[in-house]
C-alpha atoms as a PDB file:
ATOM      1  CA  ARG A   1    -145.744 -26.376-127.231  1.00  0.00           C
ATOM      2  CA  ARG A   2    -144.000 -27.460-129.957  1.00  0.00           C
ATOM      3  CA  THR A   3    -144.148 -31.810-131.367  1.00  0.00           C
ATOM      4  CA  GLY A   4    -140.741 -33.055-130.690  1.00  0.00           C
ATOM      5  CA  VAL A   5    -138.966 -29.383-128.910  1.00  0.00           C
ATOM      6  CA  THR A   6    -137.073 -30.472-126.505  1.00  0.00           C
ATOM      7  CA  LEU A   7    -136.052 -28.424-122.584  1.00  0.00           C
ATOM      8  CA  GLN A   8    -132.607 -28.742-123.807  1.00  0.00           C
ATOM      9  CA  PHE A   9    -133.446 -27.270-127.095  1.00  0.00           C
ATOM     10  CA  LEU A  10    -135.444 -24.404-125.514  1.00  0.00           C
ATOM     11  CA  TRP A  11    -132.117 -23.795-123.789  1.00  0.00           C
ATOM     12  CA  ILE A  12    -130.013 -23.420-126.377  1.00  0.00           C
ATOM     13  CA  GLU A  13    -132.308 -20.928-128.224  1.00  0.00           C
ATOM     14  CA  TYR A  14    -132.502 -19.074-124.821  1.00  0.00           C
ATOM     15  CA  CYS A  15    -129.037 -18.801-124.493  1.00  0.00           C
ATOM     16  CA  GLU A  16    -128.399 -17.779-128.379  1.00  0.00           C
ATOM     17  CA  ALA A  17    -131.219 -15.251-127.292  1.00  0.00           C
ATOM     18  CA  CYS A  18    -129.278 -13.777-123.849  1.00  0.00           C
ATOM     19  CA  ALA A  19    -126.582 -13.755-126.846  1.00  0.00           C
ATOM     20  CA  GLY A  20    -127.424 -11.504-129.056  1.00  0.00           C
ATOM     21  CA  ALA A  21    -129.407  -9.032-126.405  1.00  0.00           C
ATOM     22  CA  ARG A  22    -127.551  -6.014-126.434  1.00  0.00           C
ATOM     23  CA  GLU A  23    -127.749  -5.960-123.044  1.00  0.00           C
ATOM     24  CA  GLY A  24    -124.991  -8.801-122.104  1.00  0.00           C
ATOM     25  CA  ARG A  25    -127.508 -10.119-119.368  1.00  0.00           C
ATOM     26  CA  ARG A  26    -125.072 -14.033-118.502  1.00  0.00           C
ATOM     27  CA  PRO A  27    -127.804 -16.777-119.434  1.00  0.00           C
ATOM     28  CA  TYR A  28    -129.688 -19.288-115.868  1.00  0.00           C
ATOM     29  CA  SER A  29    -127.519 -22.393-116.299  1.00  0.00           C
ATOM     30  CA  TYR A  30    -128.938 -25.100-117.707  1.00  0.00           C
ATOM     31  CA  SER A  31    -130.390 -26.424-113.795  1.00  0.00           C
ATOM     32  CA  GLN A  32    -131.045 -22.821-113.088  1.00  0.00           C
ATOM     33  CA  PHE A  33    -133.570 -22.597-116.717  1.00  0.00           C
ATOM     34  CA  CYS A  34    -135.368 -25.773-115.662  1.00  0.00           C
ATOM     35  CA  ASP A  35    -136.260 -25.105-112.451  1.00  0.00           C
ATOM     36  CA  ARG A  36    -138.027 -21.713-113.199  1.00  0.00           C
ATOM     37  CA  TYR A  37    -139.533 -22.851-116.864  1.00  0.00           C
ATOM     38  CA  ARG A  38    -141.073 -25.818-114.374  1.00  0.00           C
ATOM     39  CA  SER A  39    -141.958 -23.551-111.837  1.00  0.00           C
ATOM     40  CA  SER A  40    -144.033 -20.716-114.985  1.00  0.00           C
ATOM     41  CA  ARG A  41    -145.262 -23.606-116.738  1.00  0.00           C
ATOM     42  CA  GLU A  42    -147.064 -24.785-113.435  1.00  0.00           C
ATOM     43  CA  ARG A  43    -148.195 -21.112-113.000  1.00  0.00           C
ATOM     44  CA  VAL A  44    -149.472 -20.603-116.714  1.00  0.00           C
ATOM     45  CA  ASP A  45    -153.208 -21.798-117.809  1.00  0.00           C
ATOM     46  CA  VAL A  46    -152.348 -22.902-120.526  1.00  0.00           C
ATOM     47  CA  THR A  47    -156.155 -23.458-121.856  1.00  0.00           C
ATOM     48  CA  MET A  48    -157.950 -21.213-124.216  1.00  0.00           C
ATOM     49  CA  ARG A  49    -161.770 -20.584-124.232  1.00  0.00           C
ATOM     50  CA  GLN A  50    -163.828 -18.580-126.880  1.00  0.00           C
ATOM     51  CA  VAL A  51    -167.511 -18.620-128.137  1.00  0.00           C
ATOM     52  CA  HIS A  52    -168.506 -19.692-131.885  1.00  0.00           C
ATOM     53  CA  ARG A  53    -171.996 -19.463-132.707  1.00  0.00           C
ATOM     54  CA  ALA A  54    -173.333 -23.025-133.381  1.00  0.00           C
ATOM     55  CA  GLY A  55    -171.901 -25.185-136.851  1.00  0.00           C
ATOM     56  CA  GLU A  56    -170.117 -20.822-138.025  1.00  0.00           C
ATOM     57  CA  LYS A  57    -167.101 -22.315-138.026  1.00  0.00           C
ATOM     58  CA  LEU A  58    -164.983 -25.556-139.273  1.00  0.00           C
ATOM     59  CA  PHE A  59    -161.560 -25.962-137.337  1.00  0.00           C
ATOM     60  CA  ILE A  60    -159.410 -29.022-138.629  1.00  0.00           C
ATOM     61  CA  ASP A  61    -156.010 -29.706-137.769  1.00  0.00           C
ATOM     62  CA  TYR A  62    -152.825 -31.178-138.149  1.00  0.00           C
ATOM     63  CA  SER A  63    -151.929 -33.873-135.709  1.00  0.00           C
ATOM     64  CA  GLY A  64    -148.145 -33.555-136.028  1.00  0.00           C
ATOM     65  CA  GLN A  65    -146.784 -37.574-136.353  1.00  0.00           C
ATOM     66  CA  ASP A  66    -147.771 -39.381-139.800  1.00  0.00           C
ATOM     67  CA  LEU A  67    -150.240 -42.814-139.022  1.00  0.00           C
ATOM     68  CA  ARG A  68    -148.938 -46.017-140.987  1.00  0.00           C
ATOM     69  CA  TYR A  69    -151.270 -48.493-142.421  1.00  0.00           C
ATOM     70  CA  HIS A  70    -151.465 -51.790-144.215  1.00  0.00           C
ATOM     71  CA  TYR A  71    -153.141 -52.045-146.271  1.00  0.00           C
ATOM     72  CA  ASP A  72    -153.108 -55.180-148.192  1.00  0.00           C
ATOM     73  CA  PRO A  73    -151.355 -58.687-147.383  1.00  0.00           C
ATOM     74  CA  SER A  74    -148.010 -58.445-149.676  1.00  0.00           C
ATOM     75  CA  GLY A  75    -147.032 -55.551-146.337  1.00  0.00           C
ATOM     76  CA  ASN A  76    -147.101 -52.809-148.857  1.00  0.00           C
ATOM     77  CA  ILE A  77    -146.965 -49.413-146.318  1.00  0.00           C
ATOM     78  CA  ALA A  78    -149.542 -46.115-146.713  1.00  0.00           C
ATOM     79  CA  GLU A  79    -148.391 -43.018-144.953  1.00  0.00           C
ATOM     80  CA  ILE A  80    -151.492 -40.894-143.983  1.00  0.00           C
ATOM     81  CA  ARG A  81    -151.461 -37.481-142.336  1.00  0.00           C
ATOM     82  CA  ASP A  82    -154.380 -37.351-139.294  1.00  0.00           C
ATOM     83  CA  LEU A  83    -155.699 -34.451-139.588  1.00  0.00           C
ATOM     84  CA  ALA A  84    -158.544 -33.735-137.139  1.00  0.00           C
ATOM     85  CA  SER A  85    -161.586 -31.683-137.822  1.00  0.00           C
ATOM     86  CA  THR A  86    -165.039 -29.893-135.721  1.00  0.00           C
ATOM     87  CA  ALA A  87    -167.902 -28.470-136.660  1.00  0.00           C
ATOM     88  CA  ARG A  88    -168.819 -25.439-134.555  1.00  0.00           C
END
């Protein structure tokens, strides 16, 4: 799942992929696409289990959005990248 992507955007991508297919299949309507998308989300388990030895790896990820920080009385604003890290 990507940040800021709507279901309508996914449907448009799906329609473009159907138009580019050689089989000439017709895409689902938007409502049918939404129904099928929701039912597939209910069936799919989105967890991924990994086994790591302690202290072997460091994982760092960008959260996807910047934070705003007021750092002095004059009202200057700093944009901060939000990173999360975990040592495993």
